[in-house]
Amino acid sequence: AALVAEYGLAVPDGVTGAISASVLALFALLGVRPQVDP
């Protein structure tokens, strides 16, 4: 997001946060959850 902002494309904080949350959710579902026992 900082890189594209440097070249003039303003990425709102909400969009960056939403994408980050999506990545964390995918890791939770696909990466962490199958390896952890409750």
ModelCIF file with pLDDT and N, C-alpha, C, O atoms, coordinates in Angstrom:
data_MODEL
#
_entry.id   MODEL 
#
_entity.id                         1 
_entity.type                       polymer 
_entity.pdbx_number_of_molecules   1 
#
_entity_poly.entity_id                      1 
_entity_poly.type                           'polypeptide(L)' 
_entity_poly.nstd_linkage                   no 
_entity_poly.nstd_monomer                   no 
_entity_poly.pdbx_seq_one_letter_code       AALVAEYGLAVPDGVTGAISASVLALFALLGVRPQVDP 
_entity_poly.pdbx_seq_one_letter_code_can   AALVAEYGLAVPDGVTGAISASVLALFALLGVRPQVDP 
_entity_poly.pdbx_strand_id                 A 
#
loop_
_entity_poly_seq.entity_id 
_entity_poly_seq.num 
_entity_poly_seq.mon_id 
_entity_poly_seq.hetero 
1 1  ALA n 
1 2  ALA n 
1 3  LEU n 
1 4  VAL n 
1 5  ALA n 
1 6  GLU n 
1 7  TYR n 
1 8  GLY n 
1 9  LEU n 
1 10 ALA n 
1 11 VAL n 
1 12 PRO n 
1 13 ASP n 
1 14 GLY n 
1 15 VAL n 
1 16 THR n 
1 17 GLY n 
1 18 ALA n 
1 19 ILE n 
1 20 SER n 
1 21 ALA n 
1 22 SER n 
1 23 VAL n 
1 24 LEU n 
1 25 ALA n 
1 26 LEU n 
1 27 PHE n 
1 28 ALA n 
1 29 LEU n 
1 30 LEU n 
1 31 GLY n 
1 32 VAL n 
1 33 ARG n 
1 34 PRO n 
1 35 GLN n 
1 36 VAL n 
1 37 ASP n 
1 38 PRO n 
#
_struct_asym.id          A 
_struct_asym.entity_id   1 
#
loop_
_ma_qa_metric.id 
_ma_qa_metric.mode 
_ma_qa_metric.name 
_ma_qa_metric.software_group_id 
_ma_qa_metric.type 
1 global pLDDT . pLDDT 
2 local  pLDDT . pLDDT 
#
_ma_qa_metric_global.metric_id      1 
_ma_qa_metric_global.metric_value   82.61 
_ma_qa_metric_global.model_id       1 
_ma_qa_metric_global.ordinal_id     1 
#
loop_
_ma_qa_metric_local.label_asym_id 
_ma_qa_metric_local.label_comp_id 
_ma_qa_metric_local.label_seq_id 
_ma_qa_metric_local.metric_id 
_ma_qa_metric_local.metric_value 
_ma_qa_metric_local.model_id 
_ma_qa_metric_local.ordinal_id 
A ALA 1  2 92.00 1 1  
A ALA 2  2 91.00 1 2  
A LEU 3  2 93.00 1 3  
A VAL 4  2 93.00 1 4  
A ALA 5  2 91.00 1 5  
A GLU 6  2 91.00 1 6  
A TYR 7  2 91.00 1 7  
A GLY 8  2 90.00 1 8  
A LEU 9  2 91.00 1 9  
A ALA 10 2 85.00 1 10 
A VAL 11 2 86.00 1 11 
A PRO 12 2 90.00 1 12 
A ASP 13 2 89.00 1 13 
A GLY 14 2 91.00 1 14 
A VAL 15 2 90.00 1 15 
A THR 16 2 89.00 1 16 
A GLY 17 2 90.00 1 17 
A ALA 18 2 92.00 1 18 
A ILE 19 2 91.00 1 19 
A SER 20 2 90.00 1 20 
A ALA 21 2 91.00 1 21 
A SER 22 2 91.00 1 22 
A VAL 23 2 88.00 1 23 
A LEU 24 2 86.00 1 24 
A ALA 25 2 87.00 1 25 
A LEU 26 2 86.00 1 26 
A PHE 27 2 82.00 1 27 
A ALA 28 2 79.00 1 28 
A LEU 29 2 79.00 1 29 
A LEU 30 2 76.00 1 30 
A GLY 31 2 68.00 1 31 
A VAL 32 2 61.00 1 32 
A ARG 33 2 57.00 1 33 
A PRO 34 2 54.00 1 34 
A GLN 35 2 57.00 1 35 
A VAL 36 2 60.00 1 36 
A ASP 37 2 65.00 1 37 
A PRO 38 2 66.00 1 38 
#
loop_
_atom_site.group_PDB 
_atom_site.id 
_atom_site.type_symbol 
_atom_site.label_atom_id 
_atom_site.label_alt_id 
_atom_site.label_comp_id 
_atom_site.label_asym_id 
_atom_site.label_entity_id 
_atom_site.label_seq_id 
_atom_site.pdbx_PDB_ins_code 
_atom_site.Cartn_x 
_atom_site.Cartn_y 
_atom_site.Cartn_z 
_atom_site.occupancy 
_atom_site.B_iso_or_equiv 
_atom_site.pdbx_formal_charge 
_atom_site.auth_seq_id 
_atom_site.auth_comp_id 
_atom_site.auth_asym_id 
_atom_site.auth_atom_id 
_atom_site.pdbx_PDB_model_num 
ATOM 1   N N  . ALA A 1 1  ? 0.835  -1.207  0.000  1.00 92.00 ? 1  ALA A N  1 
ATOM 2   C CA . ALA A 1 1  ? 0.000  0.000   0.000  1.00 92.00 ? 1  ALA A CA 1 
ATOM 3   C C  . ALA A 1 1  ? 0.874  1.263   0.000  1.00 92.00 ? 1  ALA A C  1 
ATOM 4   O O  . ALA A 1 1  ? 0.562  2.238   -0.683 1.00 92.00 ? 1  ALA A O  1 
ATOM 5   N N  . ALA A 1 2  ? 1.957  1.237   0.762  1.00 91.00 ? 2  ALA A N  1 
ATOM 6   C CA . ALA A 1 2  ? 2.883  2.383   0.766  1.00 91.00 ? 2  ALA A CA 1 
ATOM 7   C C  . ALA A 1 2  ? 3.550  2.546   -0.590 1.00 91.00 ? 2  ALA A C  1 
ATOM 8   O O  . ALA A 1 2  ? 3.783  3.667   -1.043 1.00 91.00 ? 2  ALA A O  1 
ATOM 9   N N  . LEU A 1 3  ? 3.855  1.434   -1.233 1.00 93.00 ? 3  LEU A N  1 
ATOM 10  C CA . LEU A 1 3  ? 4.498  1.493   -2.553 1.00 93.00 ? 3  LEU A CA 1 
ATOM 11  C C  . LEU A 1 3  ? 3.568  2.100   -3.598 1.00 93.00 ? 3  LEU A C  1 
ATOM 12  O O  . LEU A 1 3  ? 3.977  2.982   -4.353 1.00 93.00 ? 3  LEU A O  1 
ATOM 13  N N  . VAL A 1 4  ? 2.328  1.638   -3.648 1.00 93.00 ? 4  VAL A N  1 
ATOM 14  C CA . VAL A 1 4  ? 1.418  2.209   -4.649 1.00 93.00 ? 4  VAL A CA 1 
ATOM 15  C C  . VAL A 1 4  ? 1.071  3.654   -4.310 1.00 93.00 ? 4  VAL A C  1 
ATOM 16  O O  . VAL A 1 4  ? 0.811  4.452   -5.211 1.00 93.00 ? 4  VAL A O  1 
ATOM 17  N N  . ALA A 1 5  ? 1.065  4.002   -3.029 1.00 91.00 ? 5  ALA A N  1 
ATOM 18  C CA . ALA A 1 5  ? 0.824  5.393   -2.635 1.00 91.00 ? 5  ALA A CA 1 
ATOM 19  C C  . ALA A 1 5  ? 1.972  6.291   -3.095 1.00 91.00 ? 5  ALA A C  1 
ATOM 20  O O  . ALA A 1 5  ? 1.759  7.452   -3.444 1.00 91.00 ? 5  ALA A O  1 
ATOM 21  N N  . GLU A 1 6  ? 3.178  5.752   -3.092 1.00 91.00 ? 6  GLU A N  1 
ATOM 22  C CA . GLU A 1 6  ? 4.337  6.512   -3.549 1.00 91.00 ? 6  GLU A CA 1 
ATOM 23  C C  . GLU A 1 6  ? 4.203  6.899   -5.020 1.00 91.00 ? 6  GLU A C  1 
ATOM 24  O O  . GLU A 1 6  ? 4.723  7.929   -5.450 1.00 91.00 ? 6  GLU A O  1 
ATOM 25  N N  . TYR A 1 7  ? 3.511  6.073   -5.776 1.00 91.00 ? 7  TYR A N  1 
ATOM 26  C CA . TYR A 1 7  ? 3.320  6.353   -7.197 1.00 91.00 ? 7  TYR A CA 1 
ATOM 27  C C  . TYR A 1 7  ? 1.982  7.020   -7.495 1.00 91.00 ? 7  TYR A C  1 
ATOM 28  O O  . TYR A 1 7  ? 1.573  7.092   -8.654 1.00 91.00 ? 7  TYR A O  1 
ATOM 29  N N  . GLY A 1 8  ? 1.297  7.508   -6.463 1.00 90.00 ? 8  GLY A N  1 
ATOM 30  C CA . GLY A 1 8  ? 0.128  8.348   -6.669 1.00 90.00 ? 8  GLY A CA 1 
ATOM 31  C C  . GLY A 1 8  ? -1.223 7.689   -6.513 1.00 90.00 ? 8  GLY A C  1 
ATOM 32  O O  . GLY A 1 8  ? -2.243 8.366   -6.647 1.00 90.00 ? 8  GLY A O  1 
ATOM 33  N N  . LEU A 1 9  ? -1.275 6.390   -6.232 1.00 91.00 ? 9  LEU A N  1 
ATOM 34  C CA . LEU A 1 9  ? -2.566 5.719   -6.043 1.00 91.00 ? 9  LEU A CA 1 
ATOM 35  C C  . LEU A 1 9  ? -2.843 5.646   -4.545 1.00 91.00 ? 9  LEU A C  1 
ATOM 36  O O  . LEU A 1 9  ? -2.201 4.885   -3.820 1.00 91.00 ? 9  LEU A O  1 
ATOM 37  N N  . ALA A 1 10 ? -3.795 6.436   -4.095 1.00 85.00 ? 10 ALA A N  1 
ATOM 38  C CA . ALA A 1 10 ? -4.113 6.473   -2.665 1.00 85.00 ? 10 ALA A CA 1 
ATOM 39  C C  . ALA A 1 10 ? -4.966 5.266   -2.302 1.00 85.00 ? 10 ALA A C  1 
ATOM 40  O O  . ALA A 1 10 ? -6.058 5.086   -2.842 1.00 85.00 ? 10 ALA A O  1 
ATOM 41  N N  . VAL A 1 11 ? -4.475 4.449   -1.399 1.00 86.00 ? 11 VAL A N  1 
ATOM 42  C CA . VAL A 1 11 ? -5.214 3.291   -0.910 1.00 86.00 ? 11 VAL A CA 1 
ATOM 43  C C  . VAL A 1 11 ? -5.733 3.647   0.476  1.00 86.00 ? 11 VAL A C  1 
ATOM 44  O O  . VAL A 1 11 ? -4.942 3.862   1.395  1.00 86.00 ? 11 VAL A O  1 
ATOM 45  N N  . PRO A 1 12 ? -7.058 3.712   0.639  1.00 90.00 ? 12 PRO A N  1 
ATOM 46  C CA . PRO A 1 12 ? -7.602 4.068   1.959  1.00 90.00 ? 12 PRO A CA 1 
ATOM 47  C C  . PRO A 1 12 ? -7.192 3.063   3.029  1.00 90.00 ? 12 PRO A C  1 
ATOM 48  O O  . PRO A 1 12 ? -6.990 1.882   2.748  1.00 90.00 ? 12 PRO A O  1 
ATOM 49  N N  . ASP A 1 13 ? -7.075 3.549   4.249  1.00 89.00 ? 13 ASP A N  1 
ATOM 50  C CA . ASP A 1 13 ? -6.701 2.669   5.361  1.00 89.00 ? 13 ASP A CA 1 
ATOM 51  C C  . ASP A 1 13 ? -7.684 1.525   5.530  1.00 89.00 ? 13 ASP A C  1 
ATOM 52  O O  . ASP A 1 13 ? -7.292 0.413   5.883  1.00 89.00 ? 13 ASP A O  1 
ATOM 53  N N  . GLY A 1 14 ? -8.959 1.791   5.279  1.00 91.00 ? 14 GLY A N  1 
ATOM 54  C CA . GLY A 1 14 ? -9.972 0.745   5.411  1.00 91.00 ? 14 GLY A CA 1 
ATOM 55  C C  . GLY A 1 14 ? -9.746 -0.401  4.443  1.00 91.00 ? 14 GLY A C  1 
ATOM 56  O O  . GLY A 1 14 ? -9.958 -1.563  4.791  1.00 91.00 ? 14 GLY A O  1 
ATOM 57  N N  . VAL A 1 15 ? -9.318 -0.081  3.228  1.00 90.00 ? 15 VAL A N  1 
ATOM 58  C CA . VAL A 1 15 ? -9.048 -1.126  2.232  1.00 90.00 ? 15 VAL A CA 1 
ATOM 59  C C  . VAL A 1 15 ? -7.837 -1.951  2.653  1.00 90.00 ? 15 VAL A C  1 
ATOM 60  O O  . VAL A 1 15 ? -7.860 -3.180  2.582  1.00 90.00 ? 15 VAL A O  1 
ATOM 61  N N  . THR A 1 16 ? -6.786 -1.273  3.089  1.00 89.00 ? 16 THR A N  1 
ATOM 62  C CA . THR A 1 16 ? -5.596 -1.988  3.556  1.00 89.00 ? 16 THR A CA 1 
ATOM 63  C C  . THR A 1 16 ? -5.940 -2.882  4.743  1.00 89.00 ? 16 THR A C  1 
ATOM 64  O O  . THR A 1 16 ? -5.489 -4.025  4.815  1.00 89.00 ? 16 THR A O  1 
ATOM 65  N N  . GLY A 1 17 ? -6.733 -2.363  5.666  1.00 90.00 ? 17 GLY A N  1 
ATOM 66  C CA . GLY A 1 17 ? -7.151 -3.157  6.823  1.00 90.00 ? 17 GLY A CA 1 
ATOM 67  C C  . GLY A 1 17 ? -8.011 -4.345  6.430  1.00 90.00 ? 17 GLY A C  1 
ATOM 68  O O  . GLY A 1 17 ? -7.863 -5.432  6.988  1.00 90.00 ? 17 GLY A O  1 
ATOM 69  N N  . ALA A 1 18 ? -8.912 -4.145  5.472  1.00 92.00 ? 18 ALA A N  1 
ATOM 70  C CA . ALA A 1 18 ? -9.783 -5.247  5.028  1.00 92.00 ? 18 ALA A CA 1 
ATOM 71  C C  . ALA A 1 18 ? -8.975 -6.344  4.350  1.00 92.00 ? 18 ALA A C  1 
ATOM 72  O O  . ALA A 1 18 ? -9.229 -7.528  4.573  1.00 92.00 ? 18 ALA A O  1 
ATOM 73  N N  . ILE A 1 19 ? -8.016 -5.967  3.534  1.00 91.00 ? 19 ILE A N  1 
ATOM 74  C CA . ILE A 1 19 ? -7.177 -6.975  2.873  1.00 91.00 ? 19 ILE A CA 1 
ATOM 75  C C  . ILE A 1 19 ? -6.327 -7.712  3.906  1.00 91.00 ? 19 ILE A C  1 
ATOM 76  O O  . ILE A 1 19 ? -6.176 -8.931  3.832  1.00 91.00 ? 19 ILE A O  1 
ATOM 77  N N  . SER A 1 20 ? -5.779 -6.980  4.860  1.00 90.00 ? 20 SER A N  1 
ATOM 78  C CA . SER A 1 20 ? -4.987 -7.614  5.919  1.00 90.00 ? 20 SER A CA 1 
ATOM 79  C C  . SER A 1 20 ? -5.832 -8.582  6.735  1.00 90.00 ? 20 SER A C  1 
ATOM 80  O O  . SER A 1 20 ? -5.381 -9.679  7.063  1.00 90.00 ? 20 SER A O  1 
ATOM 81  N N  . ALA A 1 21 ? -7.049 -8.183  7.063  1.00 91.00 ? 21 ALA A N  1 
ATOM 82  C CA . ALA A 1 21 ? -7.948 -9.066  7.819  1.00 91.00 ? 21 ALA A CA 1 
ATOM 83  C C  . ALA A 1 21 ? -8.285 -10.313 7.017  1.00 91.00 ? 21 ALA A C  1 
ATOM 84  O O  . ALA A 1 21 ? -8.390 -11.404 7.578  1.00 91.00 ? 21 ALA A O  1 
ATOM 85  N N  . SER A 1 22 ? -8.455 -10.160 5.713  1.00 91.00 ? 22 SER A N  1 
ATOM 86  C CA . SER A 1 22 ? -8.744 -11.319 4.864  1.00 91.00 ? 22 SER A CA 1 
ATOM 87  C C  . SER A 1 22 ? -7.571 -12.296 4.844  1.00 91.00 ? 22 SER A C  1 
ATOM 88  O O  . SER A 1 22 ? -7.765 -13.510 4.893  1.00 91.00 ? 22 SER A O  1 
ATOM 89  N N  . VAL A 1 23 ? -6.359 -11.759 4.772  1.00 88.00 ? 23 VAL A N  1 
ATOM 90  C CA . VAL A 1 23 ? -5.182 -12.616 4.791  1.00 88.00 ? 23 VAL A CA 1 
ATOM 91  C C  . VAL A 1 23 ? -5.086 -13.363 6.115  1.00 88.00 ? 23 VAL A C  1 
ATOM 92  O O  . VAL A 1 23 ? -4.797 -14.560 6.136  1.00 88.00 ? 23 VAL A O  1 
ATOM 93  N N  . LEU A 1 24 ? -5.327 -12.663 7.214  1.00 86.00 ? 24 LEU A N  1 
ATOM 94  C CA . LEU A 1 24 ? -5.285 -13.322 8.525  1.00 86.00 ? 24 LEU A CA 1 
ATOM 95  C C  . LEU A 1 24 ? -6.360 -14.397 8.638  1.00 86.00 ? 24 LEU A C  1 
ATOM 96  O O  . LEU A 1 24 ? -6.120 -15.461 9.208  1.00 86.00 ? 24 LEU A O  1 
ATOM 97  N N  . ALA A 1 25 ? -7.549 -14.120 8.096  1.00 87.00 ? 25 ALA A N  1 
ATOM 98  C CA . ALA A 1 25 ? -8.622 -15.117 8.132  1.00 87.00 ? 25 ALA A CA 1 
ATOM 99  C C  . ALA A 1 25 ? -8.254 -16.348 7.306  1.00 87.00 ? 25 ALA A C  1 
ATOM 100 O O  . ALA A 1 25 ? -8.510 -17.477 7.726  1.00 87.00 ? 25 ALA A O  1 
ATOM 101 N N  . LEU A 1 26 ? -7.658 -16.138 6.142  1.00 86.00 ? 26 LEU A N  1 
ATOM 102 C CA . LEU A 1 26 ? -7.238 -17.276 5.325  1.00 86.00 ? 26 LEU A CA 1 
ATOM 103 C C  . LEU A 1 26 ? -6.178 -18.108 6.030  1.00 86.00 ? 26 LEU A C  1 
ATOM 104 O O  . LEU A 1 26 ? -6.218 -19.338 5.985  1.00 86.00 ? 26 LEU A O  1 
ATOM 105 N N  . PHE A 1 27 ? -5.226 -17.437 6.685  1.00 82.00 ? 27 PHE A N  1 
ATOM 106 C CA . PHE A 1 27 ? -4.222 -18.183 7.439  1.00 82.00 ? 27 PHE A CA 1 
ATOM 107 C C  . PHE A 1 27 ? -4.868 -18.958 8.576  1.00 82.00 ? 27 PHE A C  1 
ATOM 108 O O  . PHE A 1 27 ? -4.482 -20.094 8.850  1.00 82.00 ? 27 PHE A O  1 
ATOM 109 N N  . ALA A 1 28 ? -5.837 -18.361 9.232  1.00 79.00 ? 28 ALA A N  1 
ATOM 110 C CA . ALA A 1 28 ? -6.507 -19.045 10.339 1.00 79.00 ? 28 ALA A CA 1 
ATOM 111 C C  . ALA A 1 28 ? -7.248 -20.283 9.845  1.00 79.00 ? 28 ALA A C  1 
ATOM 112 O O  . ALA A 1 28 ? -7.231 -21.328 10.496 1.00 79.00 ? 28 ALA A O  1 
ATOM 113 N N  . LEU A 1 29 ? -7.895 -20.161 8.697  1.00 79.00 ? 29 LEU A N  1 
ATOM 114 C CA . LEU A 1 29 ? -8.665 -21.286 8.168  1.00 79.00 ? 29 LEU A CA 1 
ATOM 115 C C  . LEU A 1 29 ? -7.791 -22.354 7.523  1.00 79.00 ? 29 LEU A C  1 
ATOM 116 O O  . LEU A 1 29 ? -8.012 -23.546 7.732  1.00 79.00 ? 29 LEU A O  1 
ATOM 117 N N  . LEU A 1 30 ? -6.807 -21.937 6.747  1.00 76.00 ? 30 LEU A N  1 
ATOM 118 C CA . LEU A 1 30 ? -6.044 -22.883 5.953  1.00 76.00 ? 30 LEU A CA 1 
ATOM 119 C C  . LEU A 1 30 ? -4.702 -23.267 6.569  1.00 76.00 ? 30 LEU A C  1 
ATOM 120 O O  . LEU A 1 30 ? -4.209 -24.373 6.351  1.00 76.00 ? 30 LEU A O  1 
ATOM 121 N N  . GLY A 1 31 ? -4.123 -22.369 7.325  1.00 68.00 ? 31 GLY A N  1 
ATOM 122 C CA . GLY A 1 31 ? -2.780 -22.631 7.823  1.00 68.00 ? 31 GLY A CA 1 
ATOM 123 C C  . GLY A 1 31 ? -2.705 -23.062 9.261  1.00 68.00 ? 31 GLY A C  1 
ATOM 124 O O  . GLY A 1 31 ? -2.059 -24.061 9.576  1.00 68.00 ? 31 GLY A O  1 
ATOM 125 N N  . VAL A 1 32 ? -3.347 -22.335 10.136 1.00 61.00 ? 32 VAL A N  1 
ATOM 126 C CA . VAL A 1 32 ? -3.202 -22.590 11.568 1.00 61.00 ? 32 VAL A CA 1 
ATOM 127 C C  . VAL A 1 32 ? -4.207 -23.614 12.067 1.00 61.00 ? 32 VAL A C  1 
ATOM 128 O O  . VAL A 1 32 ? -3.832 -24.531 12.797 1.00 61.00 ? 32 VAL A O  1 
ATOM 129 N N  . ARG A 1 33 ? -5.452 -23.485 11.699 1.00 57.00 ? 33 ARG A N  1 
ATOM 130 C CA . ARG A 1 33 ? -6.509 -24.314 12.265 1.00 57.00 ? 33 ARG A CA 1 
ATOM 131 C C  . ARG A 1 33 ? -6.286 -25.813 12.085 1.00 57.00 ? 33 ARG A C  1 
ATOM 132 O O  . ARG A 1 33 ? -6.514 -26.557 13.039 1.00 57.00 ? 33 ARG A O  1 
ATOM 133 N N  . PRO A 1 34 ? -5.855 -26.301 10.922 1.00 54.00 ? 34 PRO A N  1 
ATOM 134 C CA . PRO A 1 34 ? -5.648 -27.747 10.803 1.00 54.00 ? 34 PRO A CA 1 
ATOM 135 C C  . PRO A 1 34 ? -4.515 -28.276 11.673 1.00 54.00 ? 34 PRO A C  1 
ATOM 136 O O  . PRO A 1 34 ? -4.432 -29.485 11.889 1.00 54.00 ? 34 PRO A O  1 
ATOM 137 N N  . GLN A 1 35 ? -3.641 -27.412 12.180 1.00 57.00 ? 35 GLN A N  1 
ATOM 138 C CA . GLN A 1 35 ? -2.491 -27.862 12.942 1.00 57.00 ? 35 GLN A CA 1 
ATOM 139 C C  . GLN A 1 35 ? -2.658 -27.703 14.452 1.00 57.00 ? 35 GLN A C  1 
ATOM 140 O O  . GLN A 1 35 ? -1.755 -28.059 15.209 1.00 57.00 ? 35 GLN A O  1 
ATOM 141 N N  . VAL A 1 36 ? -3.787 -27.182 14.897 1.00 60.00 ? 36 VAL A N  1 
ATOM 142 C CA . VAL A 1 36 ? -3.966 -26.874 16.314 1.00 60.00 ? 36 VAL A CA 1 
ATOM 143 C C  . VAL A 1 36 ? -5.140 -27.670 16.871 1.00 60.00 ? 36 VAL A C  1 
ATOM 144 O O  . VAL A 1 36 ? -6.217 -27.700 16.275 1.00 60.00 ? 36 VAL A O  1 
ATOM 145 N N  . ASP A 1 37 ? -4.928 -28.315 18.018 1.00 65.00 ? 37 ASP A N  1 
ATOM 146 C CA . ASP A 1 37 ? -6.009 -29.008 18.713 1.00 65.00 ? 37 ASP A CA 1 
ATOM 147 C C  . ASP A 1 37 ? -6.592 -28.084 19.765 1.00 65.00 ? 37 ASP A C  1 
ATOM 148 O O  . ASP A 1 37 ? -5.839 -27.424 20.480 1.00 65.00 ? 37 ASP A O  1 
ATOM 149 N N  . PRO A 1 38 ? -7.907 -28.016 19.881 1.00 66.00 ? 38 PRO A N  1 
ATOM 150 C CA . PRO A 1 38 ? -8.494 -27.169 20.924 1.00 66.00 ? 38 PRO A CA 1 
ATOM 151 C C  . PRO A 1 38 ? -8.190 -27.736 22.311 1.00 66.00 ? 38 PRO A C  1 
ATOM 152 O O  . PRO A 1 38 ? -8.602 -27.159 23.317 1.00 66.00 ? 38 PRO A O  1 
#
